[in-house]
Structure formats: structure tokens, C-alpha cells
Amino acid sequence: MHVRVSLVAAARSCSLLAERFDDDRPLDGTGLRSVELAARGLVPLGAAGLRYCSPTPRSRATGQALGYAPMAQPALRECDMGRWRGLTLAEVAAREPGSVELWLADPRAAPHGGESLLAFISRIGGWLDTRPADDGGAIVAVAEPSVVRAALVYALNAPPQTYWNVDVRPLSTVTLTGWSGRWYLSLQAAQTG
């Protein structure tokens, strides 16, 4: 028994420079337009039997704009960034440079008082591993890019530090096939026509 899980990275609601830890700003006009432009390639994923999203406003709005009518999954929330929530990386680095270095170097560290990178990856992996395996069944989940990164690291059984080497762009997709504890990255050929 196996399942196909397609992960769609939520659209961005702000510029990359204004991105904040555990940011819960809603999808703005620019983000909605980007969803409209990408919809042709993403709407077919909505045929999945199960449709989920991260509980963030951006993920919900992206899923709704694509017509998925996704169900929010608390387990797909972003990493709990503790006292860094709402701050930019530059702001945190200026205030706590040693803490940022520790956080980037040690996946077990949580100097912000929230969730460690390792705990975050494990939580996302736990969600993956509990998806119902219905031979050939399909699931789509709209999630924050950080959640997609964590899912990839978990699915590939990569070292947690690999998380920092995965770039997930807004509205990009990745598909994982498999079942609990045994996942495969599935790359699809581009559709033409």
C-alpha cells in the first residue's frame, strides 16, 4: 500500500527581505496574482482524494484560490520560533548573534525557546507517516516553504543540516510517494501543450 503526497509551497505575501519567523500575515494582492498565474499547473492537483493545508493564512488562502478547499492540519504548522516569532533574521542576528550561530549549527538547539530544527523535521515526518495509505491514493497539501523543506529532509532520510541546503520557492511543488517510514521523491515531467 502506498500513497502519493504532493506538497505545494504557499504563495508569498511579502518581499523576501521582509520575511519574518513564524510569519502569519495573510496573502496579499501580489500573492493572489502569483497564484492565478500558476493555477493552470497546480489546479489539477486538487483532484486528490485528500486536500490539506498548513494553518497559516497564506497556506489557507493559496489552497482556496486554487480551488482545493483544503482542511487545515495543525501538524503542518511552521517551526515554533519562540521569542523570535515575528522578527526578521537580520533583527535576531543583531540582537543574539551567538544564538543564531548555535541555531544554524546544531539541529537539536532551540535558543529561541521554541522548537528545534530536529523536532520540527520529526513533527512533519510524523504527519507524513500517518497519512492513510490507499494503494495509489493521492493527497495534496499546501504548506509554508519551511514545512516542505522539512518534509523533504525527512522523506529522504537526510541529515537535519540538509534543511539549510533546500530552496523551496513559493508555489513550487514536490511529490513524495511511499508509506510510513519509506518515502521516495517523485519528479514529474513538465506538461506541454
N, C-alpha and C. Protein backbone atom coordinates (compact mmCIF):
# COMPACT_ATOMS: atom_id res chain seq x y z
N MET A 1 0.84 -1.18 0.00
CA MET A 1 0.00 0.00 0.00
C MET A 1 0.88 1.25 0.00
N HIS A 2 0.60 2.17 -0.90
CA HIS A 2 1.36 3.41 -0.92
C HIS A 2 0.43 4.58 -1.22
N VAL A 3 0.94 5.75 -0.98
CA VAL A 3 0.18 6.97 -1.20
C VAL A 3 1.08 7.98 -1.90
N ARG A 4 0.48 8.89 -2.64
CA ARG A 4 1.22 9.97 -3.31
C ARG A 4 0.85 11.28 -2.62
N VAL A 5 1.85 11.96 -2.06
CA VAL A 5 1.63 13.23 -1.36
C VAL A 5 2.30 14.33 -2.15
N SER A 6 1.50 15.23 -2.72
CA SER A 6 2.03 16.38 -3.45
C SER A 6 2.00 17.58 -2.51
N LEU A 7 3.14 18.20 -2.33
CA LEU A 7 3.26 19.38 -1.47
C LEU A 7 3.39 20.61 -2.35
N VAL A 8 2.56 21.60 -2.10
CA VAL A 8 2.59 22.87 -2.83
C VAL A 8 3.02 23.95 -1.84
N ALA A 9 4.08 24.66 -2.17
CA ALA A 9 4.54 25.75 -1.30
C ALA A 9 3.59 26.94 -1.44
N ALA A 10 3.16 27.48 -0.32
CA ALA A 10 2.23 28.62 -0.31
C ALA A 10 2.84 29.81 -1.04
N ALA A 11 1.96 30.63 -1.60
CA ALA A 11 2.41 31.87 -2.25
C ALA A 11 2.97 32.81 -1.20
N ARG A 12 3.82 33.71 -1.63
CA ARG A 12 4.44 34.68 -0.72
C ARG A 12 3.52 35.88 -0.56
N SER A 13 3.50 36.44 0.64
CA SER A 13 2.66 37.62 0.87
C SER A 13 3.47 38.88 1.13
N CYS A 14 4.78 38.77 1.02
CA CYS A 14 5.62 39.93 1.24
C CYS A 14 6.94 39.71 0.50
N SER A 15 7.76 40.74 0.47
CA SER A 15 9.05 40.58 -0.18
C SER A 15 9.93 39.68 0.68
N LEU A 16 10.89 39.04 0.06
CA LEU A 16 11.81 38.15 0.77
C LEU A 16 12.53 38.89 1.89
N LEU A 17 12.85 40.17 1.67
CA LEU A 17 13.57 40.95 2.67
C LEU A 17 12.72 41.22 3.91
N ALA A 18 11.41 41.20 3.76
CA ALA A 18 10.52 41.46 4.89
C ALA A 18 10.04 40.17 5.56
N GLU A 19 10.56 39.03 5.13
CA GLU A 19 10.12 37.75 5.67
C GLU A 19 10.49 37.63 7.14
N ARG A 20 9.54 37.17 7.92
CA ARG A 20 9.73 37.08 9.37
C ARG A 20 9.53 35.64 9.84
N PHE A 21 10.15 35.31 10.97
CA PHE A 21 9.99 33.99 11.56
C PHE A 21 8.54 33.79 11.96
N ASP A 22 8.02 32.61 11.63
CA ASP A 22 6.67 32.22 12.04
C ASP A 22 5.68 33.33 11.68
N ASP A 23 5.79 33.80 10.45
CA ASP A 23 5.01 34.92 9.94
C ASP A 23 3.59 34.49 9.60
N ASP A 24 2.61 35.18 10.15
CA ASP A 24 1.23 34.78 9.86
C ASP A 24 0.45 35.85 9.10
N ARG A 25 1.18 36.67 8.34
CA ARG A 25 0.49 37.67 7.52
C ARG A 25 -0.32 36.98 6.43
N PRO A 26 -1.48 37.55 6.07
CA PRO A 26 -2.31 36.93 5.03
C PRO A 26 -1.71 37.14 3.64
N LEU A 27 -2.24 36.40 2.71
CA LEU A 27 -1.84 36.53 1.31
C LEU A 27 -2.30 37.90 0.80
N ASP A 28 -1.41 38.64 0.16
CA ASP A 28 -1.77 39.96 -0.35
C ASP A 28 -2.09 39.87 -1.84
N GLY A 29 -2.38 41.03 -2.46
CA GLY A 29 -2.75 41.07 -3.87
C GLY A 29 -1.68 40.49 -4.78
N THR A 30 -0.43 40.78 -4.50
CA THR A 30 0.66 40.24 -5.31
C THR A 30 0.69 38.72 -5.21
N GLY A 31 0.50 38.21 -4.00
CA GLY A 31 0.47 36.77 -3.81
C GLY A 31 -0.68 36.11 -4.54
N LEU A 32 -1.86 36.74 -4.48
CA LEU A 32 -3.02 36.19 -5.18
C LEU A 32 -2.80 36.17 -6.70
N ARG A 33 -2.17 37.23 -7.21
CA ARG A 33 -1.89 37.25 -8.66
C ARG A 33 -0.91 36.14 -9.03
N SER A 34 0.06 35.87 -8.18
CA SER A 34 1.01 34.80 -8.49
C SER A 34 0.31 33.44 -8.49
N VAL A 35 -0.69 33.27 -7.60
CA VAL A 35 -1.46 32.03 -7.60
C VAL A 35 -2.24 31.90 -8.91
N GLU A 36 -2.84 32.99 -9.34
CA GLU A 36 -3.59 32.97 -10.60
C GLU A 36 -2.70 32.58 -11.78
N LEU A 37 -1.47 33.09 -11.78
CA LEU A 37 -0.54 32.78 -12.87
C LEU A 37 -0.10 31.32 -12.85
N ALA A 38 0.02 30.75 -11.67
CA ALA A 38 0.48 29.37 -11.53
C ALA A 38 -0.66 28.35 -11.54
N ALA A 39 -1.89 28.82 -11.49
CA ALA A 39 -3.04 27.93 -11.31
C ALA A 39 -3.15 26.83 -12.35
N ARG A 40 -2.87 27.14 -13.59
CA ARG A 40 -3.03 26.13 -14.65
C ARG A 40 -2.27 24.84 -14.32
N GLY A 41 -1.06 24.98 -13.81
CA GLY A 41 -0.27 23.79 -13.49
C GLY A 41 -0.60 23.18 -12.14
N LEU A 42 -1.24 23.96 -11.25
CA LEU A 42 -1.49 23.48 -9.89
C LEU A 42 -2.91 22.99 -9.64
N VAL A 43 -3.87 23.53 -10.37
CA VAL A 43 -5.27 23.15 -10.15
C VAL A 43 -5.49 21.64 -10.28
N PRO A 44 -4.87 20.95 -11.25
CA PRO A 44 -5.11 19.50 -11.36
C PRO A 44 -4.76 18.71 -10.09
N LEU A 45 -3.85 19.21 -9.27
CA LEU A 45 -3.51 18.51 -8.03
C LEU A 45 -4.70 18.44 -7.09
N GLY A 46 -5.67 19.35 -7.26
CA GLY A 46 -6.86 19.37 -6.43
C GLY A 46 -7.77 18.17 -6.62
N ALA A 47 -7.49 17.34 -7.62
CA ALA A 47 -8.27 16.12 -7.82
C ALA A 47 -7.93 15.06 -6.78
N ALA A 48 -6.94 15.33 -5.94
CA ALA A 48 -6.53 14.39 -4.90
C ALA A 48 -7.70 14.08 -3.98
N GLY A 49 -7.73 12.87 -3.48
CA GLY A 49 -8.79 12.46 -2.58
C GLY A 49 -8.80 13.22 -1.27
N LEU A 50 -7.61 13.60 -0.78
CA LEU A 50 -7.49 14.35 0.46
C LEU A 50 -6.71 15.63 0.18
N ARG A 51 -7.23 16.76 0.69
CA ARG A 51 -6.61 18.06 0.45
C ARG A 51 -6.41 18.77 1.79
N TYR A 52 -5.16 19.09 2.09
CA TYR A 52 -4.80 19.68 3.37
C TYR A 52 -4.05 21.00 3.16
N CYS A 53 -3.87 21.71 4.26
CA CYS A 53 -3.01 22.90 4.23
C CYS A 53 -2.45 23.16 5.62
N SER A 54 -1.37 23.93 5.66
CA SER A 54 -0.86 24.46 6.92
C SER A 54 -1.91 25.40 7.48
N PRO A 55 -1.91 25.63 8.78
CA PRO A 55 -2.92 26.53 9.35
C PRO A 55 -2.64 28.02 9.12
N THR A 56 -1.57 28.37 8.42
CA THR A 56 -1.26 29.78 8.20
C THR A 56 -2.25 30.42 7.23
N PRO A 57 -2.51 31.71 7.39
CA PRO A 57 -3.42 32.40 6.46
C PRO A 57 -2.97 32.28 5.01
N ARG A 58 -1.66 32.34 4.76
CA ARG A 58 -1.14 32.23 3.38
C ARG A 58 -1.44 30.87 2.77
N SER A 59 -1.22 29.83 3.54
CA SER A 59 -1.46 28.47 3.03
C SER A 59 -2.94 28.24 2.78
N ARG A 60 -3.77 28.68 3.71
CA ARG A 60 -5.21 28.53 3.53
C ARG A 60 -5.68 29.27 2.28
N ALA A 61 -5.23 30.54 2.15
CA ALA A 61 -5.66 31.36 1.02
C ALA A 61 -5.15 30.79 -0.30
N THR A 62 -3.93 30.28 -0.32
CA THR A 62 -3.39 29.67 -1.53
C THR A 62 -4.23 28.47 -1.93
N GLY A 63 -4.52 27.60 -0.96
CA GLY A 63 -5.35 26.42 -1.24
C GLY A 63 -6.74 26.79 -1.71
N GLN A 64 -7.34 27.79 -1.09
CA GLN A 64 -8.68 28.23 -1.50
C GLN A 64 -8.65 28.81 -2.91
N ALA A 65 -7.63 29.65 -3.20
CA ALA A 65 -7.53 30.26 -4.53
C ALA A 65 -7.34 29.22 -5.62
N LEU A 66 -6.74 28.09 -5.28
CA LEU A 66 -6.56 27.01 -6.24
C LEU A 66 -7.78 26.09 -6.33
N GLY A 67 -8.77 26.35 -5.50
CA GLY A 67 -9.99 25.55 -5.52
C GLY A 67 -9.88 24.22 -4.80
N TYR A 68 -8.87 24.08 -3.93
CA TYR A 68 -8.68 22.81 -3.23
C TYR A 68 -9.65 22.61 -2.07
N ALA A 69 -10.15 23.69 -1.48
CA ALA A 69 -10.95 23.61 -0.25
C ALA A 69 -10.22 22.73 0.77
N PRO A 70 -8.98 23.09 1.12
CA PRO A 70 -8.17 22.24 2.00
C PRO A 70 -8.59 22.30 3.46
N MET A 71 -8.32 21.22 4.17
CA MET A 71 -8.55 21.14 5.60
C MET A 71 -7.24 21.48 6.31
N ALA A 72 -7.28 22.44 7.22
CA ALA A 72 -6.07 22.84 7.94
C ALA A 72 -5.59 21.71 8.85
N GLN A 73 -4.29 21.49 8.85
CA GLN A 73 -3.66 20.46 9.66
C GLN A 73 -2.71 21.13 10.66
N PRO A 74 -3.03 21.14 11.95
CA PRO A 74 -2.14 21.76 12.93
C PRO A 74 -0.71 21.21 12.89
N ALA A 75 -0.56 19.93 12.55
CA ALA A 75 0.78 19.33 12.48
C ALA A 75 1.63 19.94 11.38
N LEU A 76 1.00 20.62 10.40
CA LEU A 76 1.75 21.23 9.30
C LEU A 76 2.10 22.70 9.58
N ARG A 77 1.99 23.11 10.84
CA ARG A 77 2.37 24.49 11.17
C ARG A 77 3.87 24.66 11.04
N GLU A 78 4.28 25.91 10.92
CA GLU A 78 5.71 26.20 10.82
C GLU A 78 6.41 25.87 12.13
N CYS A 79 7.71 25.90 12.09
CA CYS A 79 8.52 25.67 13.28
C CYS A 79 8.19 26.73 14.33
N ASP A 80 8.01 26.32 15.56
CA ASP A 80 7.75 27.26 16.66
C ASP A 80 9.06 28.00 16.95
N MET A 81 9.06 29.29 16.65
CA MET A 81 10.29 30.08 16.80
C MET A 81 10.38 30.83 18.12
N GLY A 82 9.53 30.48 19.06
CA GLY A 82 9.63 31.05 20.40
C GLY A 82 9.68 32.57 20.39
N ARG A 83 10.64 33.13 21.10
CA ARG A 83 10.71 34.59 21.23
C ARG A 83 11.17 35.29 19.94
N TRP A 84 11.60 34.53 18.93
CA TRP A 84 11.98 35.13 17.64
C TRP A 84 10.78 35.33 16.72
N ARG A 85 9.64 34.83 17.11
CA ARG A 85 8.44 34.94 16.27
C ARG A 85 8.18 36.40 15.91
N GLY A 86 7.95 36.63 14.61
CA GLY A 86 7.64 37.96 14.12
C GLY A 86 8.85 38.82 13.78
N LEU A 87 10.05 38.34 14.08
CA LEU A 87 11.27 39.09 13.79
C LEU A 87 11.91 38.59 12.49
N THR A 88 12.69 39.45 11.85
CA THR A 88 13.47 39.02 10.68
C THR A 88 14.76 38.38 11.16
N LEU A 89 15.41 37.63 10.29
CA LEU A 89 16.70 37.04 10.64
C LEU A 89 17.71 38.13 10.97
N ALA A 90 17.69 39.22 10.23
CA ALA A 90 18.63 40.33 10.49
C ALA A 90 18.41 40.92 11.88
N GLU A 91 17.16 41.06 12.28
CA GLU A 91 16.87 41.60 13.62
C GLU A 91 17.38 40.68 14.71
N VAL A 92 17.15 39.38 14.54
CA VAL A 92 17.60 38.42 15.54
C VAL A 92 19.12 38.36 15.57
N ALA A 93 19.76 38.35 14.40
CA ALA A 93 21.22 38.29 14.34
C ALA A 93 21.85 39.50 15.00
N ALA A 94 21.22 40.66 14.89
CA ALA A 94 21.76 41.87 15.55
C ALA A 94 21.63 41.77 17.06
N ARG A 95 20.56 41.16 17.55
CA ARG A 95 20.31 41.06 18.99
C ARG A 95 21.01 39.88 19.64
N GLU A 96 21.04 38.74 18.93
CA GLU A 96 21.55 37.50 19.51
C GLU A 96 22.42 36.74 18.50
N PRO A 97 23.55 37.32 18.11
CA PRO A 97 24.37 36.65 17.08
C PRO A 97 24.81 35.24 17.47
N GLY A 98 25.19 35.04 18.72
CA GLY A 98 25.62 33.71 19.16
C GLY A 98 24.50 32.70 19.11
N SER A 99 23.30 33.13 19.46
CA SER A 99 22.15 32.23 19.42
C SER A 99 21.82 31.82 17.99
N VAL A 100 21.92 32.75 17.06
CA VAL A 100 21.65 32.43 15.65
C VAL A 100 22.69 31.43 15.15
N GLU A 101 23.96 31.65 15.49
CA GLU A 101 25.01 30.71 15.07
C GLU A 101 24.74 29.31 15.62
N LEU A 102 24.36 29.23 16.90
CA LEU A 102 24.06 27.93 17.51
C LEU A 102 22.88 27.26 16.81
N TRP A 103 21.82 28.03 16.55
CA TRP A 103 20.62 27.50 15.90
C TRP A 103 20.93 26.96 14.51
N LEU A 104 21.78 27.66 13.75
CA LEU A 104 22.14 27.23 12.40
C LEU A 104 23.08 26.02 12.42
N ALA A 105 23.88 25.88 13.47
CA ALA A 105 24.89 24.82 13.53
C ALA A 105 24.39 23.52 14.16
N ASP A 106 23.48 23.62 15.12
CA ASP A 106 23.06 22.43 15.88
C ASP A 106 21.56 22.20 15.72
N PRO A 107 21.15 21.16 14.99
CA PRO A 107 19.73 20.91 14.76
C PRO A 107 18.94 20.57 16.02
N ARG A 108 19.64 20.29 17.12
CA ARG A 108 18.95 20.00 18.38
C ARG A 108 18.76 21.25 19.23
N ALA A 109 19.39 22.33 18.85
CA ALA A 109 19.34 23.57 19.63
C ALA A 109 18.07 24.36 19.37
N ALA A 110 17.56 24.98 20.42
CA ALA A 110 16.39 25.85 20.31
C ALA A 110 16.63 27.08 21.18
N PRO A 111 17.65 27.89 20.82
CA PRO A 111 17.98 29.04 21.67
C PRO A 111 16.87 30.09 21.75
N HIS A 112 15.90 30.00 20.86
CA HIS A 112 14.77 30.94 20.85
C HIS A 112 13.68 30.53 21.82
N GLY A 113 13.83 29.34 22.42
CA GLY A 113 12.84 28.87 23.37
C GLY A 113 11.66 28.15 22.73
N GLY A 114 11.74 27.91 21.44
CA GLY A 114 10.66 27.21 20.73
C GLY A 114 11.06 25.79 20.39
N GLU A 115 10.86 25.43 19.15
CA GLU A 115 11.08 24.07 18.67
C GLU A 115 12.44 23.98 17.96
N SER A 116 13.18 22.92 18.21
CA SER A 116 14.45 22.73 17.50
C SER A 116 14.17 22.31 16.06
N LEU A 117 15.15 22.47 15.20
CA LEU A 117 15.01 22.03 13.82
C LEU A 117 14.73 20.53 13.75
N LEU A 118 15.42 19.77 14.56
CA LEU A 118 15.22 18.32 14.58
C LEU A 118 13.79 17.96 14.99
N ALA A 119 13.27 18.63 16.01
CA ALA A 119 11.89 18.38 16.46
C ALA A 119 10.90 18.77 15.36
N PHE A 120 11.16 19.87 14.67
CA PHE A 120 10.30 20.33 13.59
C PHE A 120 10.26 19.30 12.46
N ILE A 121 11.43 18.85 12.02
CA ILE A 121 11.50 17.85 10.95
C ILE A 121 10.79 16.57 11.38
N SER A 122 10.98 16.16 12.62
CA SER A 122 10.32 14.94 13.13
C SER A 122 8.81 15.10 13.16
N ARG A 123 8.32 16.28 13.54
CA ARG A 123 6.87 16.52 13.57
C ARG A 123 6.27 16.41 12.17
N ILE A 124 6.94 17.04 11.20
CA ILE A 124 6.44 16.99 9.82
C ILE A 124 6.52 15.54 9.30
N GLY A 125 7.59 14.84 9.63
CA GLY A 125 7.70 13.44 9.25
C GLY A 125 6.62 12.58 9.87
N GLY A 126 6.27 12.87 11.11
CA GLY A 126 5.18 12.15 11.77
C GLY A 126 3.86 12.34 11.04
N TRP A 127 3.64 13.58 10.56
CA TRP A 127 2.42 13.83 9.78
C TRP A 127 2.43 12.99 8.50
N LEU A 128 3.56 13.00 7.80
CA LEU A 128 3.68 12.20 6.57
C LEU A 128 3.39 10.73 6.84
N ASP A 129 4.01 10.22 7.89
CA ASP A 129 3.90 8.79 8.19
C ASP A 129 2.52 8.35 8.63
N THR A 130 1.67 9.30 8.99
CA THR A 130 0.31 8.93 9.41
C THR A 130 -0.73 9.20 8.34
N ARG A 131 -0.29 9.49 7.12
CA ARG A 131 -1.25 9.67 6.02
C ARG A 131 -1.81 8.31 5.66
N PRO A 132 -3.10 8.25 5.39
CA PRO A 132 -3.71 6.96 5.04
C PRO A 132 -3.16 6.44 3.72
N ALA A 133 -2.63 5.23 3.76
CA ALA A 133 -2.08 4.61 2.55
C ALA A 133 -3.18 3.84 1.84
N ASP A 134 -3.62 4.37 0.73
CA ASP A 134 -4.67 3.74 -0.07
C ASP A 134 -4.06 3.49 -1.44
N ASP A 135 -3.62 2.31 -1.69
CA ASP A 135 -2.84 1.99 -2.88
C ASP A 135 -3.12 2.93 -4.05
N GLY A 136 -2.16 3.78 -4.30
CA GLY A 136 -2.27 4.73 -5.40
C GLY A 136 -3.05 5.98 -5.05
N GLY A 137 -3.51 6.10 -3.79
CA GLY A 137 -4.26 7.28 -3.37
C GLY A 137 -3.42 8.54 -3.48
N ALA A 138 -4.10 9.67 -3.63
CA ALA A 138 -3.40 10.95 -3.79
C ALA A 138 -3.83 11.94 -2.72
N ILE A 139 -2.85 12.68 -2.24
CA ILE A 139 -3.05 13.73 -1.25
C ILE A 139 -2.34 14.97 -1.77
N VAL A 140 -2.94 16.15 -1.56
CA VAL A 140 -2.25 17.40 -1.84
C VAL A 140 -2.27 18.22 -0.55
N ALA A 141 -1.17 18.88 -0.26
CA ALA A 141 -1.08 19.74 0.92
C ALA A 141 -0.37 21.03 0.55
N VAL A 142 -1.03 22.15 0.84
CA VAL A 142 -0.41 23.47 0.65
C VAL A 142 0.23 23.83 1.99
N ALA A 143 1.51 24.11 1.96
CA ALA A 143 2.23 24.38 3.21
C ALA A 143 3.27 25.46 3.00
N GLU A 144 3.70 26.03 4.10
CA GLU A 144 4.76 27.02 4.05
C GLU A 144 6.03 26.37 3.50
N PRO A 145 6.88 27.13 2.79
CA PRO A 145 8.11 26.55 2.26
C PRO A 145 8.95 25.81 3.31
N SER A 146 8.98 26.32 4.54
CA SER A 146 9.76 25.65 5.59
C SER A 146 9.23 24.25 5.87
N VAL A 147 7.93 24.07 5.79
CA VAL A 147 7.31 22.77 6.02
C VAL A 147 7.67 21.81 4.89
N VAL A 148 7.65 22.31 3.66
CA VAL A 148 8.02 21.48 2.51
C VAL A 148 9.49 21.06 2.63
N ARG A 149 10.35 21.98 3.04
CA ARG A 149 11.77 21.65 3.25
C ARG A 149 11.92 20.53 4.27
N ALA A 150 11.22 20.68 5.39
CA ALA A 150 11.30 19.67 6.45
C ALA A 150 10.80 18.32 5.96
N ALA A 151 9.72 18.31 5.18
CA ALA A 151 9.20 17.05 4.64
C ALA A 151 10.20 16.38 3.73
N LEU A 152 10.88 17.16 2.90
CA LEU A 152 11.89 16.58 2.00
C LEU A 152 13.05 15.97 2.78
N VAL A 153 13.53 16.68 3.78
CA VAL A 153 14.65 16.16 4.59
C VAL A 153 14.23 14.86 5.26
N TYR A 154 13.03 14.83 5.82
CA TYR A 154 12.55 13.63 6.48
C TYR A 154 12.37 12.47 5.49
N ALA A 155 11.70 12.75 4.39
CA ALA A 155 11.39 11.70 3.42
C ALA A 155 12.65 11.07 2.84
N LEU A 156 13.67 11.88 2.63
CA LEU A 156 14.92 11.37 2.06
C LEU A 156 15.87 10.84 3.12
N ASN A 157 15.44 10.89 4.38
CA ASN A 157 16.29 10.43 5.48
C ASN A 157 17.65 11.13 5.45
N ALA A 158 17.63 12.39 5.11
CA ALA A 158 18.87 13.19 5.02
C ALA A 158 19.23 13.73 6.39
N PRO A 159 20.49 14.04 6.60
CA PRO A 159 20.88 14.66 7.87
C PRO A 159 20.11 15.97 8.06
N PRO A 160 19.70 16.30 9.29
CA PRO A 160 18.92 17.51 9.54
C PRO A 160 19.57 18.78 8.97
N GLN A 161 20.90 18.85 8.97
CA GLN A 161 21.59 20.03 8.45
C GLN A 161 21.29 20.27 6.97
N THR A 162 20.83 19.24 6.27
CA THR A 162 20.48 19.37 4.85
C THR A 162 19.35 20.38 4.66
N TYR A 163 18.56 20.57 5.69
CA TYR A 163 17.44 21.51 5.63
C TYR A 163 17.89 22.87 5.09
N TRP A 164 19.06 23.31 5.50
CA TRP A 164 19.55 24.63 5.10
C TRP A 164 19.97 24.67 3.63
N ASN A 165 20.09 23.53 2.99
CA ASN A 165 20.50 23.46 1.59
C ASN A 165 19.34 23.24 0.62
N VAL A 166 18.13 23.26 1.12
CA VAL A 166 16.96 23.05 0.28
C VAL A 166 16.26 24.39 0.08
N ASP A 167 16.10 24.77 -1.17
CA ASP A 167 15.44 26.03 -1.51
C ASP A 167 14.06 25.71 -2.07
N VAL A 168 13.02 26.13 -1.37
CA VAL A 168 11.66 25.89 -1.82
C VAL A 168 11.05 27.24 -2.16
N ARG A 169 10.79 27.45 -3.43
CA ARG A 169 10.22 28.71 -3.91
C ARG A 169 8.70 28.70 -3.74
N PRO A 170 8.09 29.86 -3.57
CA PRO A 170 6.63 29.92 -3.48
C PRO A 170 5.98 29.28 -4.71
N LEU A 171 4.94 28.53 -4.47
CA LEU A 171 4.14 27.85 -5.50
C LEU A 171 4.89 26.74 -6.23
N SER A 172 6.03 26.32 -5.70
CA SER A 172 6.70 25.15 -6.27
C SER A 172 6.04 23.90 -5.68
N THR A 173 6.21 22.79 -6.36
CA THR A 173 5.61 21.53 -5.91
C THR A 173 6.65 20.43 -5.85
N VAL A 174 6.39 19.48 -4.99
CA VAL A 174 7.20 18.28 -4.92
C VAL A 174 6.25 17.14 -4.56
N THR A 175 6.51 15.96 -5.09
CA THR A 175 5.66 14.81 -4.79
C THR A 175 6.49 13.71 -4.14
N LEU A 176 5.95 13.19 -3.06
CA LEU A 176 6.56 12.07 -2.35
C LEU A 176 5.62 10.89 -2.50
N THR A 177 6.17 9.73 -2.79
CA THR A 177 5.35 8.52 -2.86
C THR A 177 5.91 7.52 -1.87
N GLY A 178 5.06 6.70 -1.31
CA GLY A 178 5.51 5.69 -0.38
C GLY A 178 4.50 5.45 0.71
N TRP A 179 5.02 5.19 1.90
CA TRP A 179 4.21 4.89 3.07
C TRP A 179 5.06 5.15 4.28
N SER A 180 4.50 4.94 5.44
CA SER A 180 5.15 5.26 6.71
C SER A 180 6.60 4.78 6.77
N GLY A 181 7.52 5.72 6.92
CA GLY A 181 8.93 5.40 7.06
C GLY A 181 9.66 5.07 5.78
N ARG A 182 8.96 5.04 4.65
CA ARG A 182 9.60 4.68 3.39
C ARG A 182 9.06 5.57 2.28
N TRP A 183 9.76 6.67 2.06
CA TRP A 183 9.31 7.68 1.10
C TRP A 183 10.31 7.84 -0.03
N TYR A 184 9.77 8.18 -1.19
CA TYR A 184 10.58 8.39 -2.38
C TYR A 184 10.21 9.73 -2.99
N LEU A 185 11.21 10.43 -3.46
CA LEU A 185 10.98 11.68 -4.17
C LEU A 185 10.58 11.35 -5.59
N SER A 186 9.48 11.90 -6.03
CA SER A 186 8.96 11.63 -7.37
C SER A 186 8.94 12.91 -8.17
N LEU A 187 9.79 13.00 -9.18
CA LEU A 187 9.84 14.19 -10.04
C LEU A 187 9.01 13.91 -11.28
N GLN A 188 8.15 14.86 -11.61
CA GLN A 188 7.25 14.70 -12.74
C GLN A 188 7.80 15.45 -13.96
N ALA A 189 7.54 14.91 -15.13
CA ALA A 189 7.90 15.61 -16.35
C ALA A 189 6.97 16.80 -16.53
N ALA A 190 7.47 17.87 -17.11
CA ALA A 190 6.66 19.05 -17.34
C ALA A 190 5.57 18.73 -18.35
N GLN A 191 4.38 19.28 -18.11
CA GLN A 191 3.28 19.08 -19.05
C GLN A 191 3.41 20.08 -20.18
N THR A 192 3.22 19.61 -21.38
CA THR A 192 3.30 20.52 -22.54
C THR A 192 1.92 20.63 -23.16
N GLY A 193 1.77 21.66 -23.94
CA GLY A 193 0.51 21.81 -24.65
C GLY A 193 -0.30 22.83 -24.04
